[in-house]
Protein backbone atom coordinates (compact mmCIF):
# COMPACT_ATOMS: atom_id res chain seq x y z
CA MET A 1 0.00 0.00 0.00
CA PRO A 2 1.56 3.35 -0.99
CA GLU A 3 2.58 5.85 1.65
CA PRO A 4 0.20 8.84 1.93
CA VAL A 5 1.52 11.89 0.13
CA LEU A 6 2.27 14.79 2.45
CA PRO A 7 0.97 18.23 1.44
CA SER A 8 3.46 20.49 -0.29
CA ARG A 9 2.89 23.27 2.24
CA ARG A 10 2.96 23.13 6.02
CA VAL A 11 -0.20 24.09 7.89
CA PRO A 12 0.20 27.72 9.07
CA MET A 13 0.62 28.17 12.81
CA GLY A 14 -2.05 30.86 12.81
CA ALA A 15 -4.62 28.40 11.43
CA LEU A 16 -3.93 26.02 14.32
CA GLU A 17 -4.42 28.89 16.78
CA VAL A 18 -7.76 29.63 15.13
CA LEU A 19 -8.86 26.00 15.46
CA ASP A 20 -7.88 25.99 19.14
CA ALA A 21 -9.71 29.26 19.79
CA VAL A 22 -12.90 28.09 18.04
CA HIS A 23 -12.98 24.94 20.17
CA ALA A 24 -12.36 26.91 23.38
CA ALA A 25 -14.95 29.60 22.62
CA GLY A 26 -17.57 27.43 20.96
CA SER A 27 -18.29 30.10 18.36
CA LEU A 28 -16.58 32.02 15.58
CA SER A 29 -17.36 35.35 17.20
CA GLY A 30 -15.86 34.25 20.53
CA ALA A 31 -12.74 32.99 18.79
CA ALA A 32 -12.44 36.28 16.92
CA ARG A 33 -12.62 38.24 20.18
CA ALA A 34 -10.03 36.03 21.85
CA LEU A 35 -7.60 36.40 18.95
CA GLY A 36 -8.25 40.08 18.26
CA LEU A 37 -9.41 39.34 14.72
CA ALA A 38 -12.48 40.17 12.68
CA GLN A 39 -14.95 37.28 12.50
CA PRO A 40 -14.62 37.01 8.69
CA SER A 41 -10.88 36.46 9.16
CA VAL A 42 -11.58 33.53 11.48
CA SER A 43 -14.05 32.03 8.98
CA THR A 44 -11.55 32.44 6.14
CA ALA A 45 -8.77 30.79 8.15
CA LEU A 46 -10.99 27.80 8.89
CA ARG A 47 -12.04 27.39 5.27
CA ARG A 48 -8.40 27.50 4.14
CA LEU A 49 -7.42 24.94 6.76
CA GLU A 50 -10.21 22.63 5.63
CA ARG A 51 -9.17 23.00 2.00
CA GLN A 52 -5.52 22.36 2.79
CA THR A 53 -6.18 19.31 4.96
CA GLY A 54 -9.09 17.98 2.89
CA LEU A 55 -11.06 17.48 6.12
CA ALA A 56 -14.33 18.84 7.46
CA LEU A 57 -13.13 20.30 10.75
CA VAL A 58 -16.11 22.23 12.14
CA VAL A 59 -19.88 22.07 12.19
CA ARG A 60 -21.66 25.41 12.22
CA ALA A 61 -25.07 25.78 13.84
CA PRO A 62 -27.22 28.64 15.21
CA SER A 63 -26.22 27.58 18.72
CA GLY A 64 -22.49 27.81 17.99
CA THR A 65 -19.62 26.05 16.26
CA ARG A 66 -18.15 22.71 17.31
CA LEU A 67 -15.30 20.61 16.00
CA THR A 68 -15.95 17.39 14.12
CA ASP A 69 -14.24 14.16 15.17
CA ALA A 70 -11.54 14.91 12.59
CA GLY A 71 -11.24 18.43 13.94
CA LEU A 72 -10.78 17.15 17.50
CA THR A 73 -8.11 14.70 16.37
CA LEU A 74 -6.30 17.44 14.50
CA LEU A 75 -6.63 19.75 17.50
CA ASP A 76 -4.77 17.27 19.73
CA ARG A 77 -1.83 17.39 17.31
CA ALA A 78 -2.20 21.15 16.87
CA ARG A 79 -1.85 21.73 20.60
CA GLU A 80 1.37 19.73 20.61
CA VAL A 81 2.68 21.95 17.81
CA LEU A 82 1.56 25.16 19.56
CA SER A 83 3.10 24.01 22.82
CA ALA A 84 6.37 23.23 21.06
CA SER A 85 6.26 26.63 19.34
CA ASP A 86 5.74 28.39 22.69
CA ALA A 87 8.65 26.46 24.18
CA LEU A 88 10.83 27.46 21.23
CA GLU A 89 9.88 31.11 21.69
CA ARG A 90 10.76 30.96 25.38
CA GLU A 91 14.18 29.56 24.48
CA VAL A 92 14.68 32.25 21.85
CA LEU A 93 13.64 34.94 24.33
CA ALA A 94 16.14 33.60 26.85
CA LEU A 95 18.90 33.62 24.25
CA ARG A 96 17.99 37.11 22.99
CA THR A 97 17.77 38.51 26.51
CA ALA A 98 21.10 36.97 27.45
CA SER A 99 22.75 38.54 24.41
CA GLY A 100 21.31 41.99 25.08
CA ALA A 101 18.47 41.76 22.56
CA ARG A 102 16.25 44.80 22.26
CA VAL A 103 12.62 45.39 21.34
CA ARG A 104 12.17 48.06 18.69
CA VAL A 105 9.23 50.28 19.61
CA ALA A 106 7.79 53.25 17.70
CA ALA A 107 5.32 55.49 19.52
CA SER A 108 3.41 58.65 18.77
CA LEU A 109 4.58 61.73 20.62
CA SER A 110 1.91 61.93 23.34
CA ILE A 111 2.13 58.22 24.16
CA ALA A 112 5.95 58.21 24.10
CA GLU A 113 6.20 61.14 26.47
CA TYR A 114 3.37 60.49 28.90
CA LEU A 115 2.66 56.73 28.95
CA VAL A 116 5.64 54.72 27.70
CA PRO A 117 7.96 55.69 30.61
CA GLY A 118 5.52 54.26 33.15
CA TRP A 119 4.99 51.09 31.15
CA LEU A 120 8.73 50.48 30.87
CA ALA A 121 9.45 51.29 34.52
CA SER A 122 6.92 48.71 35.74
CA ARG A 123 8.37 45.81 33.71
CA PRO A 124 10.44 43.04 35.32
CA ALA A 125 14.10 43.91 35.82
CA ASP A 126 15.24 41.21 33.37
CA ALA A 127 12.96 42.35 30.52
CA PRO A 128 14.69 43.06 27.17
CA LEU A 129 15.85 46.62 26.57
CA VAL A 130 13.73 48.87 24.37
CA ASP A 131 14.85 51.08 21.48
CA LEU A 132 12.20 53.81 21.24
CA THR A 133 11.50 55.86 18.12
CA VAL A 134 9.11 58.82 18.41
CA ALA A 135 7.07 59.81 15.36
CA ASN A 136 3.54 60.76 14.38
CA SER A 137 0.95 57.97 14.19
CA ARG A 138 1.14 57.62 10.40
CA ASP A 139 4.92 57.14 10.50
CA VAL A 140 4.67 54.76 13.46
CA MET A 141 2.37 52.48 11.48
CA ALA A 142 4.67 52.68 8.45
CA ALA A 143 7.64 51.65 10.64
CA VAL A 144 5.77 48.58 11.90
CA LEU A 145 4.60 47.61 8.41
CA ASP A 146 8.13 48.01 7.00
CA GLY A 147 9.69 45.93 9.78
CA ARG A 148 11.63 48.84 11.28
CA ALA A 149 9.69 48.46 14.55
CA ASP A 150 8.40 45.38 16.35
CA LEU A 151 5.55 47.25 18.06
CA GLY A 152 3.86 50.60 17.58
CA PHE A 153 1.70 52.79 19.80
CA VAL A 154 -0.66 55.12 17.94
CA GLU A 155 -3.38 57.62 18.75
CA GLY A 156 -5.18 58.19 15.45
CA PRO A 157 -8.75 57.11 14.63
CA ASP A 158 -7.69 54.60 11.95
CA VAL A 159 -5.35 51.61 11.80
CA ALA A 160 -3.53 50.82 8.55
CA ASP A 161 -4.28 47.63 6.64
CA GLY A 162 -1.84 44.88 7.54
CA LEU A 163 -1.77 45.65 11.26
CA HIS A 164 -3.31 44.04 14.31
CA ALA A 165 -4.44 46.51 16.99
CA ARG A 166 -5.53 46.44 20.63
CA ALA A 167 -6.80 49.36 22.72
CA VAL A 168 -4.47 50.31 25.59
CA ALA A 169 -6.03 53.56 26.87
CA GLU A 170 -8.75 56.13 26.29
CA ASP A 171 -7.90 59.79 25.83
CA GLU A 172 -9.65 63.03 24.95
CA LEU A 173 -8.59 66.17 23.13
CA VAL A 174 -9.26 69.51 24.83
CA VAL A 175 -9.20 73.13 23.67
CA VAL A 176 -6.60 75.27 25.45
CA VAL A 177 -5.73 78.97 25.29
CA ALA A 178 -3.44 81.41 27.09
CA PRO A 179 -4.87 83.15 30.19
CA GLY A 180 -5.11 86.40 28.20
CA HIS A 181 -7.09 84.89 25.33
CA PRO A 182 -10.74 86.08 25.04
CA TRP A 183 -11.96 82.48 25.33
CA ALA A 184 -10.27 82.09 28.74
CA ARG A 185 -13.05 84.14 30.34
CA ARG A 186 -16.09 82.83 28.47
CA ARG A 187 -18.72 80.87 30.35
CA ARG A 188 -20.61 79.06 27.61
CA PRO A 189 -19.04 76.19 25.62
CA LEU A 190 -17.63 76.78 22.17
CA THR A 191 -19.64 75.60 19.22
CA ALA A 192 -18.15 73.50 16.43
CA ALA A 193 -18.47 76.49 14.07
CA GLU A 194 -16.57 78.78 16.45
CA LEU A 195 -13.78 76.29 16.93
CA ALA A 196 -13.43 75.51 13.22
CA SER A 197 -13.25 79.18 12.20
CA ALA A 198 -10.89 80.38 14.95
CA PRO A 199 -7.11 80.86 14.59
CA LEU A 200 -5.72 77.48 15.60
CA ALA A 201 -2.29 75.93 16.08
CA VAL A 202 -2.50 72.25 15.14
CA ARG A 203 -0.24 69.22 14.68
CA GLU A 204 0.96 68.26 11.23
CA ALA A 205 -0.88 65.96 8.83
CA GLY A 206 -0.22 62.37 9.85
CA SER A 207 -0.52 63.14 13.54
CA GLY A 208 -3.18 61.20 15.42
CA THR A 209 -4.19 64.37 17.25
CA ARG A 210 -4.72 66.19 13.97
CA ALA A 211 -6.67 63.27 12.46
CA VAL A 212 -9.06 63.11 15.44
CA LEU A 213 -9.64 66.89 15.33
CA ASP A 214 -10.27 66.96 11.57
CA ARG A 215 -12.66 64.02 11.74
CA ALA A 216 -14.56 65.37 14.76
CA LEU A 217 -15.15 68.81 13.23
CA ALA A 218 -16.10 67.31 9.87
CA ALA A 219 -18.61 65.04 11.63
CA ALA A 220 -20.06 68.10 13.36
CA GLY A 221 -20.51 69.77 9.96
CA HIS A 222 -17.76 72.36 10.36
CA PRO A 223 -14.36 71.33 8.92
CA VAL A 224 -11.35 73.40 9.93
CA ALA A 225 -11.44 76.64 7.94
CA GLY A 226 -8.49 78.46 6.44
CA SER A 227 -4.88 77.39 6.96
CA PRO A 228 -4.12 76.77 10.63
CA ALA A 229 -0.57 76.93 11.93
CA GLN A 230 0.81 73.37 11.57
CA LEU A 231 3.60 72.33 13.92
CA GLY A 232 5.57 69.12 14.29
CA SER A 233 5.40 68.69 18.07
CA THR A 234 3.06 69.23 20.99
CA SER A 235 5.62 71.47 22.71
CA ALA A 236 5.74 73.75 19.67
CA VAL A 237 1.95 73.99 19.61
CA LYS A 238 1.83 74.89 23.31
CA ASN A 239 4.50 77.57 22.85
CA VAL A 240 2.47 79.21 20.08
CA VAL A 241 -0.62 79.17 22.30
CA ARG A 242 1.23 80.74 25.23
CA ALA A 243 2.56 83.51 23.02
CA GLY A 244 -0.65 85.03 21.68
CA THR A 245 -4.25 84.80 20.61
CA THR A 246 -4.09 81.34 19.04
CA ALA A 247 -6.03 78.38 20.45
CA ALA A 248 -5.05 74.71 20.18
CA VAL A 249 -6.68 71.29 20.50
CA LEU A 250 -4.35 68.87 22.26
CA SER A 251 -4.45 65.66 24.28
CA ARG A 252 -5.60 66.08 27.86
CA LEU A 253 -2.53 64.07 28.86
CA THR A 254 -0.17 66.65 27.37
CA VAL A 255 -1.69 69.80 28.91
CA ALA A 256 -2.78 68.57 32.35
CA ASP A 257 0.19 70.12 34.17
CA GLU A 258 -0.10 73.51 32.41
CA VAL A 259 -3.84 73.67 33.07
CA ALA A 260 -3.32 72.76 36.74
CA ARG A 261 -0.72 75.55 37.10
CA GLY A 262 -2.88 78.09 35.28
CA ASP A 263 -0.38 78.53 32.43
CA LEU A 264 -3.10 77.41 30.00
CA ARG A 265 -6.87 77.55 30.29
CA GLN A 266 -9.15 74.77 29.13
CA VAL A 267 -12.22 75.88 27.16
CA PRO A 268 -15.32 73.66 27.07
CA VAL A 269 -16.71 72.60 23.69
CA ALA A 270 -20.26 71.51 22.86
CA ASP A 271 -21.37 68.93 20.29
CA VAL A 272 -17.87 67.92 19.14
CA ASP A 273 -16.71 64.40 20.04
CA LEU A 274 -12.99 64.69 20.75
CA ARG A 275 -12.54 61.32 22.45
CA ARG A 276 -10.00 58.88 21.04
CA THR A 277 -8.56 55.42 21.63
CA LEU A 278 -4.83 54.78 22.05
CA ARG A 279 -3.68 51.48 20.57
CA VAL A 280 -0.77 49.08 20.33
CA VAL A 281 -0.22 47.78 16.79
CA TRP A 282 1.87 44.99 15.28
CA SER A 283 2.25 43.40 11.87
CA ARG A 284 -0.19 40.78 10.60
CA SER A 285 2.46 39.29 8.35
CA ARG A 286 5.19 38.74 10.96
CA ARG A 287 4.90 36.88 14.24
CA PRO A 288 5.96 39.23 17.08
CA THR A 289 9.30 38.47 18.68
CA PRO A 290 9.01 37.00 22.18
CA GLY A 291 10.27 40.28 23.66
CA ALA A 292 7.73 42.31 21.68
CA ARG A 293 4.91 39.99 22.69
CA ALA A 294 5.94 40.16 26.35
CA LEU A 295 6.00 43.97 26.21
CA ALA A 296 2.59 44.16 24.51
CA GLU A 297 1.06 41.78 27.05
CA HIS A 298 2.58 43.81 29.89
CA VAL A 299 1.11 47.05 28.55
CA LEU A 300 -2.30 45.39 28.10
CA ARG A 301 -2.20 44.13 31.70
CA GLU A 302 -1.20 47.56 32.98
CA SER A 303 -4.10 49.13 31.08
CA GLY A 304 -6.59 46.48 32.17
CA ALA A 305 -7.21 45.27 28.61
CA PRO A 306 -7.46 41.53 27.82
CA SER A 307 -4.32 40.31 26.05
CA GLY A 308 -5.79 37.18 24.40
CA ARG A 309 -3.51 34.40 23.20
């Protein structure tokens, strides 16, 4: 009897993780949540695995999704493979840590200055060192996609195709002015029209702060008018605000100290949603290094977000 012919391609590790997650969750939606994927991505991974193996692995029903007998048999082997892969990664992490390996991190300005130091300080003493690059959110995502960074931390409203993302914190933009600005003494909130038409100092295109502001005013029906002063750093924006009659919209994190001291005044705004989500991102096409994964999981624990597998 002839030997069975092995497939020309190995089963992807990610497909085995999907199979494991579907069995644990009992549904495609639960597996998607556990893995941080969209449900269609989980369905696609299962279909590809079934095509590659030539086996019916799951049975879908209104009450959930369960593995077939063949799926359960394959899962037993899959867990051995996943366990071996985890063991290999632990060995690699030990070797990389022993040789002074570093995790390459890119972070947007606000996150790098106000959140990353605390995250790094609370890590175990033997954690790998971090090389930190500070850039706007668009350039952070480009660095992760290009392989120049293992992890990225961004603050914009959108995540580029090709990246996984998890929320790590919630933030809000606020309007600030100098104490001598006419708005510093007003009692009623600004309208979207007033904010959009006022002289503003803003971050450059590609900044997460700028993207959130532009989208929020456009959603309120009043896009930013004219040509606001565009600056490449939060510090530069704050200096322009302190110097004259220009207002700015900046992260609450970045102006909290100045507002507390009275150096800047916060101005309330009505009917403009300036909330935003801060995220950690990593490439869909490359498995994170053990050090990068450990750092991401640490940040997620610190923020209270579920890390998943």
